[in-house]
């Protein structure tokens, strides 16, 4: 019985999962070719977890080794994923949203919890408010060993320094220093991490 289970695990890992990933990649490219990139990106949010990283890499995202990206990733404002850079040993939780109007860099050993949001632009071109708030875009950088709690929102131009902790449901609209914990709306210093 143990041998049978071991054999099934081998088949699943070496044959079934790679075939499934290949079929998902083919379906993505068919959608991209027939219906456009935005339709294919919608499909990306529904694919099996094993296919997420290969699809991102095939569409020019930079993803390091030993990363774990959950299902439900949503990517917006792009024609490919070349503005997304994820370092080694990172975890991206379920249903995270990446606005790729500008570059989003996540360095090594970071945890981005579920439903985190990265917004890289401000655009009010359909309203009269554009007179007061002109369109702009800026990159976001999350430096090494940082943690973002569930439902965190990171706004454009933000740099999260190394070893910082962003509490769940925080709205980060200012840079966060190394070895600090922030939380709230807008995020404020909670404590220094020793």
C-alpha atoms as a PDB file:
ATOM      1  CA  UNK A   1       0.000   0.000   0.000  1.00  0.00           C
ATOM      2  CA  UNK A   2       2.821   2.406   0.902  1.00  0.00           C
ATOM      3  CA  UNK A   3       4.499   1.649  -2.405  1.00  0.00           C
ATOM      4  CA  UNK A   4       1.260   2.389  -4.272  1.00  0.00           C
ATOM      5  CA  UNK A   5       0.849   5.739  -2.485  1.00  0.00           C
ATOM      6  CA  UNK A   6       4.487   6.595  -3.149  1.00  0.00           C
ATOM      7  CA  UNK A   7       4.051   5.715  -6.831  1.00  0.00           C
ATOM      8  CA  UNK A   8       0.931   7.868  -7.107  1.00  0.00           C
ATOM      9  CA  UNK A   9       2.738  10.823  -5.509  1.00  0.00           C
ATOM     10  CA  UNK A  10       5.594  10.376  -7.973  1.00  0.00           C
ATOM     11  CA  UNK A  11       3.167  10.334 -10.936  1.00  0.00           C
ATOM     12  CA  UNK A  12       1.310  13.359  -9.608  1.00  0.00           C
ATOM     13  CA  UNK A  13       4.475  15.394  -9.078  1.00  0.00           C
ATOM     14  CA  UNK A  14       6.417  14.324 -12.193  1.00  0.00           C
ATOM     15  CA  UNK A  15       3.655  13.839 -14.777  1.00  0.00           C
ATOM     16  CA  UNK A  16       0.180  15.120 -13.878  1.00  0.00           C
ATOM     17  CA  UNK A  17       1.117  18.527 -12.454  1.00  0.00           C
ATOM     18  CA  UNK A  18       3.521  19.430 -15.319  1.00  0.00           C
ATOM     19  CA  UNK A  19       0.890  18.414 -17.901  1.00  0.00           C
ATOM     20  CA  UNK A  20      -1.747  20.476 -16.104  1.00  0.00           C
ATOM     21  CA  UNK A  21       0.608  23.487 -15.972  1.00  0.00           C
ATOM     22  CA  UNK A  22       1.368  23.118 -19.694  1.00  0.00           C
ATOM     23  CA  UNK A  23      -2.356  23.021 -20.533  1.00  0.00           C
ATOM     24  CA  UNK A  24      -2.989  26.129 -18.422  1.00  0.00           C
ATOM     25  CA  UNK A  25      -0.135  27.980 -20.167  1.00  0.00           C
ATOM     26  CA  UNK A  26      -1.563  27.027 -23.565  1.00  0.00           C
ATOM     27  CA  UNK A  27      -5.029  28.215 -22.482  1.00  0.00           C
ATOM     28  CA  UNK A  28      -3.541  31.510 -21.262  1.00  0.00           C
ATOM     29  CA  UNK A  29      -1.807  32.156 -24.582  1.00  0.00           C
ATOM     30  CA  UNK A  30      -4.908  31.220 -26.562  1.00  0.00           C
ATOM     31  CA  UNK A  31      -6.936  33.716 -24.540  1.00  0.00           C
ATOM     32  CA  UNK A  32      -4.202  36.310 -25.018  1.00  0.00           C
ATOM     33  CA  UNK A  33      -4.126  35.735 -28.783  1.00  0.00           C
ATOM     34  CA  UNK A  34      -7.897  35.505 -29.324  1.00  0.00           C
ATOM     35  CA  UNK A  35      -9.333  37.919 -26.765  1.00  0.00           C
ATOM     36  CA  UNK A  36      -6.445  40.155 -25.661  1.00  0.00           C
ATOM     37  CA  UNK A  37      -4.078  40.431 -22.729  1.00  0.00           C
ATOM     38  CA  UNK A  38      -6.669  41.683 -20.220  1.00  0.00           C
ATOM     39  CA  UNK A  39      -8.824  38.592 -20.779  1.00  0.00           C
ATOM     40  CA  UNK A  40      -5.779  36.377 -20.241  1.00  0.00           C
ATOM     41  CA  UNK A  41      -4.953  38.279 -17.035  1.00  0.00           C
ATOM     42  CA  UNK A  42      -8.462  37.559 -15.723  1.00  0.00           C
ATOM     43  CA  UNK A  43      -7.814  33.890 -16.417  1.00  0.00           C
ATOM     44  CA  UNK A  44      -4.543  34.130 -14.441  1.00  0.00           C
ATOM     45  CA  UNK A  45      -6.545  34.909 -11.292  1.00  0.00           C
ATOM     46  CA  UNK A  46      -8.333  31.544 -11.602  1.00  0.00           C
ATOM     47  CA  UNK A  47      -5.535  29.144 -12.512  1.00  0.00           C
ATOM     48  CA  UNK A  48      -4.048  26.379 -10.385  1.00  0.00           C
ATOM     49  CA  UNK A  49      -1.371  27.513  -7.936  1.00  0.00           C
ATOM     50  CA  UNK A  50       1.294  25.423  -9.711  1.00  0.00           C
ATOM     51  CA  UNK A  51       0.814  27.433 -12.920  1.00  0.00           C
ATOM     52  CA  UNK A  52       0.973  30.958 -11.454  1.00  0.00           C
ATOM     53  CA  UNK A  53       4.770  31.335 -11.312  1.00  0.00           C
ATOM     54  CA  UNK A  54       5.422  29.838 -14.778  1.00  0.00           C
ATOM     55  CA  UNK A  55       2.772  32.130 -16.297  1.00  0.00           C
ATOM     56  CA  UNK A  56       4.242  35.190 -14.607  1.00  0.00           C
ATOM     57  CA  UNK A  57       7.755  34.260 -15.732  1.00  0.00           C
ATOM     58  CA  UNK A  58       6.666  33.542 -19.324  1.00  0.00           C
ATOM     59  CA  UNK A  59       5.191  37.041 -19.392  1.00  0.00           C
ATOM     60  CA  UNK A  60       8.444  38.695 -18.236  1.00  0.00           C
ATOM     61  CA  UNK A  61       8.008  38.935 -14.465  1.00  0.00           C
ATOM     62  CA  UNK A  62      11.192  38.425 -12.456  1.00  0.00           C
ATOM     63  CA  UNK A  63      10.644  35.806  -9.755  1.00  0.00           C
ATOM     64  CA  UNK A  64      13.395  34.336  -7.598  1.00  0.00           C
ATOM     65  CA  UNK A  65      13.917  30.831  -6.256  1.00  0.00           C
ATOM     66  CA  UNK A  66      11.775  29.056  -3.676  1.00  0.00           C
ATOM     67  CA  UNK A  67       8.792  31.412  -4.006  1.00  0.00           C
ATOM     68  CA  UNK A  68       5.224  30.535  -3.207  1.00  0.00           C
ATOM     69  CA  UNK A  69       2.444  32.464  -4.954  1.00  0.00           C
ATOM     70  CA  UNK A  70      -1.116  31.500  -4.109  1.00  0.00           C
ATOM     71  CA  UNK A  71      -4.124  31.501  -6.437  1.00  0.00           C
ATOM     72  CA  UNK A  72      -6.275  34.524  -7.101  1.00  0.00           C
ATOM     73  CA  UNK A  73      -3.493  36.982  -7.981  1.00  0.00           C
ATOM     74  CA  UNK A  74      -4.904  40.043  -9.757  1.00  0.00           C
ATOM     75  CA  UNK A  75      -2.685  42.160 -11.997  1.00  0.00           C
ATOM     76  CA  UNK A  76      -3.854  45.465 -13.467  1.00  0.00           C
ATOM     77  CA  UNK A  77      -2.602  48.207 -15.836  1.00  0.00           C
ATOM     78  CA  UNK A  78      -0.048  46.318 -17.898  1.00  0.00           C
ATOM     79  CA  UNK A  79       0.607  44.607 -21.205  1.00  0.00           C
ATOM     80  CA  UNK A  80       3.109  42.180 -19.690  1.00  0.00           C
ATOM     81  CA  UNK A  81       4.462  41.557 -16.202  1.00  0.00           C
ATOM     82  CA  UNK A  82       7.964  43.040 -16.610  1.00  0.00           C
ATOM     83  CA  UNK A  83       7.317  45.640 -13.885  1.00  0.00           C
ATOM     84  CA  UNK A  84       6.882  42.926 -11.237  1.00  0.00           C
ATOM     85  CA  UNK A  85      10.033  41.759  -9.462  1.00  0.00           C
ATOM     86  CA  UNK A  86       9.895  39.223  -6.618  1.00  0.00           C
ATOM     87  CA  UNK A  87      13.061  38.023  -4.858  1.00  0.00           C
ATOM     88  CA  UNK A  88      13.982  34.639  -3.405  1.00  0.00           C
ATOM     89  CA  UNK A  89      12.040  32.843  -0.644  1.00  0.00           C
ATOM     90  CA  UNK A  90       8.932  35.030  -0.854  1.00  0.00           C
ATOM     91  CA  UNK A  91       5.313  34.183  -0.149  1.00  0.00           C
ATOM     92  CA  UNK A  92       2.443  35.982  -1.873  1.00  0.00           C
ATOM     93  CA  UNK A  93      -0.922  35.119  -0.325  1.00  0.00           C
ATOM     94  CA  UNK A  94      -4.305  34.577  -1.956  1.00  0.00           C
ATOM     95  CA  UNK A  95      -6.132  37.334  -3.827  1.00  0.00           C
ATOM     96  CA  UNK A  96      -3.344  39.941  -3.828  1.00  0.00           C
ATOM     97  CA  UNK A  97      -3.741  42.920  -6.201  1.00  0.00           C
ATOM     98  CA  UNK A  98      -0.805  44.412  -8.131  1.00  0.00           C
ATOM     99  CA  UNK A  99      -1.230  47.669 -10.084  1.00  0.00           C
ATOM    100  CA  UNK A 100       1.663  47.515 -12.559  1.00  0.00           C
ATOM    101  CA  UNK A 101       1.422  51.031 -13.974  1.00  0.00           C
ATOM    102  CA  UNK A 102       4.850  51.407 -12.344  1.00  0.00           C
ATOM    103  CA  UNK A 103       7.432  48.982 -10.909  1.00  0.00           C
ATOM    104  CA  UNK A 104       6.700  46.850  -7.852  1.00  0.00           C
ATOM    105  CA  UNK A 105       9.799  45.304  -6.269  1.00  0.00           C
ATOM    106  CA  UNK A 106       9.575  42.745  -3.482  1.00  0.00           C
ATOM    107  CA  UNK A 107      13.021  41.730  -2.251  1.00  0.00           C
ATOM    108  CA  UNK A 108      14.137  38.423  -0.666  1.00  0.00           C
ATOM    109  CA  UNK A 109      12.436  36.681   2.274  1.00  0.00           C
ATOM    110  CA  UNK A 110       9.223  38.714   2.300  1.00  0.00           C
ATOM    111  CA  UNK A 111       5.720  37.618   3.224  1.00  0.00           C
ATOM    112  CA  UNK A 112       2.803  39.370   1.546  1.00  0.00           C
ATOM    113  CA  UNK A 113      -0.362  38.115   3.235  1.00  0.00           C
ATOM    114  CA  UNK A 114      -3.690  37.519   1.528  1.00  0.00           C
ATOM    115  CA  UNK A 115      -5.638  40.336  -0.109  1.00  0.00           C
ATOM    116  CA  UNK A 116      -2.784  42.835   0.079  1.00  0.00           C
ATOM    117  CA  UNK A 117      -3.038  45.686  -2.430  1.00  0.00           C
ATOM    118  CA  UNK A 118      -0.258  47.587  -4.238  1.00  0.00           C
ATOM    119  CA  UNK A 119      -1.326  50.826  -5.975  1.00  0.00           C
ATOM    120  CA  UNK A 120       1.320  52.552  -8.124  1.00  0.00           C
ATOM    121  CA  UNK A 121      -0.684  55.372  -9.694  1.00  0.00           C
ATOM    122  CA  UNK A 122      -3.229  58.141  -9.207  1.00  0.00           C
ATOM    123  CA  UNK A 123      -5.370  59.098 -12.185  1.00  0.00           C
ATOM    124  CA  UNK A 124      -8.430  61.359 -12.050  1.00  0.00           C
ATOM    125  CA  UNK A 125      -8.595  62.170 -15.747  1.00  0.00           C
ATOM    126  CA  UNK A 126     -12.383  61.669 -15.928  1.00  0.00           C
ATOM    127  CA  UNK A 127     -13.102  64.305 -13.257  1.00  0.00           C
ATOM    128  CA  UNK A 128     -12.476  68.000 -12.728  1.00  0.00           C
ATOM    129  CA  UNK A 129     -10.259  67.028  -9.782  1.00  0.00           C
ATOM    130  CA  UNK A 130      -7.416  66.455 -12.241  1.00  0.00           C
ATOM    131  CA  UNK A 131      -6.784  70.232 -12.011  1.00  0.00           C
ATOM    132  CA  UNK A 132      -5.854  69.768  -8.356  1.00  0.00           C
ATOM    133  CA  UNK A 133      -4.481  66.231  -8.425  1.00  0.00           C
ATOM    134  CA  UNK A 134      -2.585  65.616 -11.672  1.00  0.00           C
ATOM    135  CA  UNK A 135      -1.991  62.049 -12.813  1.00  0.00           C
ATOM    136  CA  UNK A 136       1.131  60.473 -11.395  1.00  0.00           C
ATOM    137  CA  UNK A 137       2.758  57.114 -10.889  1.00  0.00           C
ATOM    138  CA  UNK A 138       5.592  55.908  -8.670  1.00  0.00           C
ATOM    139  CA  UNK A 139       7.199  52.582  -7.889  1.00  0.00           C
ATOM    140  CA  UNK A 140       6.775  50.578  -4.690  1.00  0.00           C
ATOM    141  CA  UNK A 141       9.695  48.793  -2.988  1.00  0.00           C
ATOM    142  CA  UNK A 142       9.385  46.183  -0.245  1.00  0.00           C
ATOM    143  CA  UNK A 143      12.870  45.465   1.093  1.00  0.00           C
ATOM    144  CA  UNK A 144      14.250  42.227   2.557  1.00  0.00           C
ATOM    145  CA  UNK A 145      12.645  40.291   5.423  1.00  0.00           C
ATOM    146  CA  UNK A 146       9.480  42.380   5.543  1.00  0.00           C
ATOM    147  CA  UNK A 147       5.976  41.238   6.429  1.00  0.00           C
ATOM    148  CA  UNK A 148       2.629  42.627   5.246  1.00  0.00           C
ATOM    149  CA  UNK A 149      -0.455  41.524   7.144  1.00  0.00           C
ATOM    150  CA  UNK A 150      -3.725  40.560   5.471  1.00  0.00           C
ATOM    151  CA  UNK A 151      -5.623  43.313   3.631  1.00  0.00           C
ATOM    152  CA  UNK A 152      -2.714  45.775   3.762  1.00  0.00           C
ATOM    153  CA  UNK A 153      -2.741  48.562   1.176  1.00  0.00           C
ATOM    154  CA  UNK A 154       0.546  50.057  -0.034  1.00  0.00           C
ATOM    155  CA  UNK A 155       0.264  53.303  -1.999  1.00  0.00           C
ATOM    156  CA  UNK A 156       2.516  54.625  -4.769  1.00  0.00           C
ATOM    157  CA  UNK A 157       6.037  55.778  -4.006  1.00  0.00           C
ATOM    158  CA  UNK A 158       6.297  53.827  -0.751  1.00  0.00           C
ATOM    159  CA  UNK A 159       9.494  52.128   0.400  1.00  0.00           C
ATOM    160  CA  UNK A 160       9.178  49.527   3.149  1.00  0.00           C
ATOM    161  CA  UNK A 161      12.682  49.225   4.578  1.00  0.00           C
ATOM    162  CA  UNK A 162      14.245  45.920   5.669  1.00  0.00           C
ATOM    163  CA  UNK A 163      12.696  43.941   8.525  1.00  0.00           C
ATOM    164  CA  UNK A 164       9.519  45.962   8.820  1.00  0.00           C
ATOM    165  CA  UNK A 165       6.140  44.652   9.944  1.00  0.00           C
ATOM    166  CA  UNK A 166       2.890  46.053   8.513  1.00  0.00           C
ATOM    167  CA  UNK A 167      -0.141  45.027  10.580  1.00  0.00           C
ATOM    168  CA  UNK A 168      -3.297  43.652   8.981  1.00  0.00           C
ATOM    169  CA  UNK A 169      -5.683  46.182   7.393  1.00  0.00           C
ATOM    170  CA  UNK A 170      -3.045  48.946   7.384  1.00  0.00           C
ATOM    171  CA  UNK A 171      -3.028  51.718   4.788  1.00  0.00           C
ATOM    172  CA  UNK A 172       0.612  52.634   4.181  1.00  0.00           C
ATOM    173  CA  UNK A 173       0.938  56.136   2.731  1.00  0.00           C
ATOM    174  CA  UNK A 174       4.413  56.970   4.120  1.00  0.00           C
ATOM    175  CA  UNK A 175       7.732  55.130   4.021  1.00  0.00           C
ATOM    176  CA  UNK A 176       8.310  52.591   6.801  1.00  0.00           C
ATOM    177  CA  UNK A 177      11.685  52.442   8.546  1.00  0.00           C
ATOM    178  CA  UNK A 178      13.662  49.267   9.249  1.00  0.00           C
ATOM    179  CA  UNK A 179      12.819  47.280  12.366  1.00  0.00           C
ATOM    180  CA  UNK A 180       9.488  48.975  12.967  1.00  0.00           C
ATOM    181  CA  UNK A 181       5.891  47.803  13.200  1.00  0.00           C
ATOM    182  CA  UNK A 182       3.169  50.017  11.716  1.00  0.00           C
ATOM    183  CA  UNK A 183      -0.593  49.682  11.606  1.00  0.00           C
ATOM    184  CA  UNK A 184      -3.861  51.555  11.199  1.00  0.00           C
ATOM    185  CA  UNK A 185      -5.468  53.843   8.638  1.00  0.00           C
ATOM    186  CA  UNK A 186      -3.264  55.659   7.819  1.00  0.00           C
ATOM    187  CA  UNK A 187      -0.430  53.490   9.158  1.00  0.00           C
ATOM    188  CA  UNK A 188       1.383  54.854  12.197  1.00  0.00           C
ATOM    189  CA  UNK A 189       4.302  53.574  14.239  1.00  0.00           C
ATOM    190  CA  UNK A 190       3.218  50.929  16.735  1.00  0.00           C
ATOM    191  CA  UNK A 191       6.626  49.928  18.048  1.00  0.00           C
ATOM    192  CA  UNK A 192      10.284  49.419  17.246  1.00  0.00           C
ATOM    193  CA  UNK A 193      11.306  45.793  16.760  1.00  0.00           C
ATOM    194  CA  UNK A 194      14.378  44.954  18.823  1.00  0.00           C
END
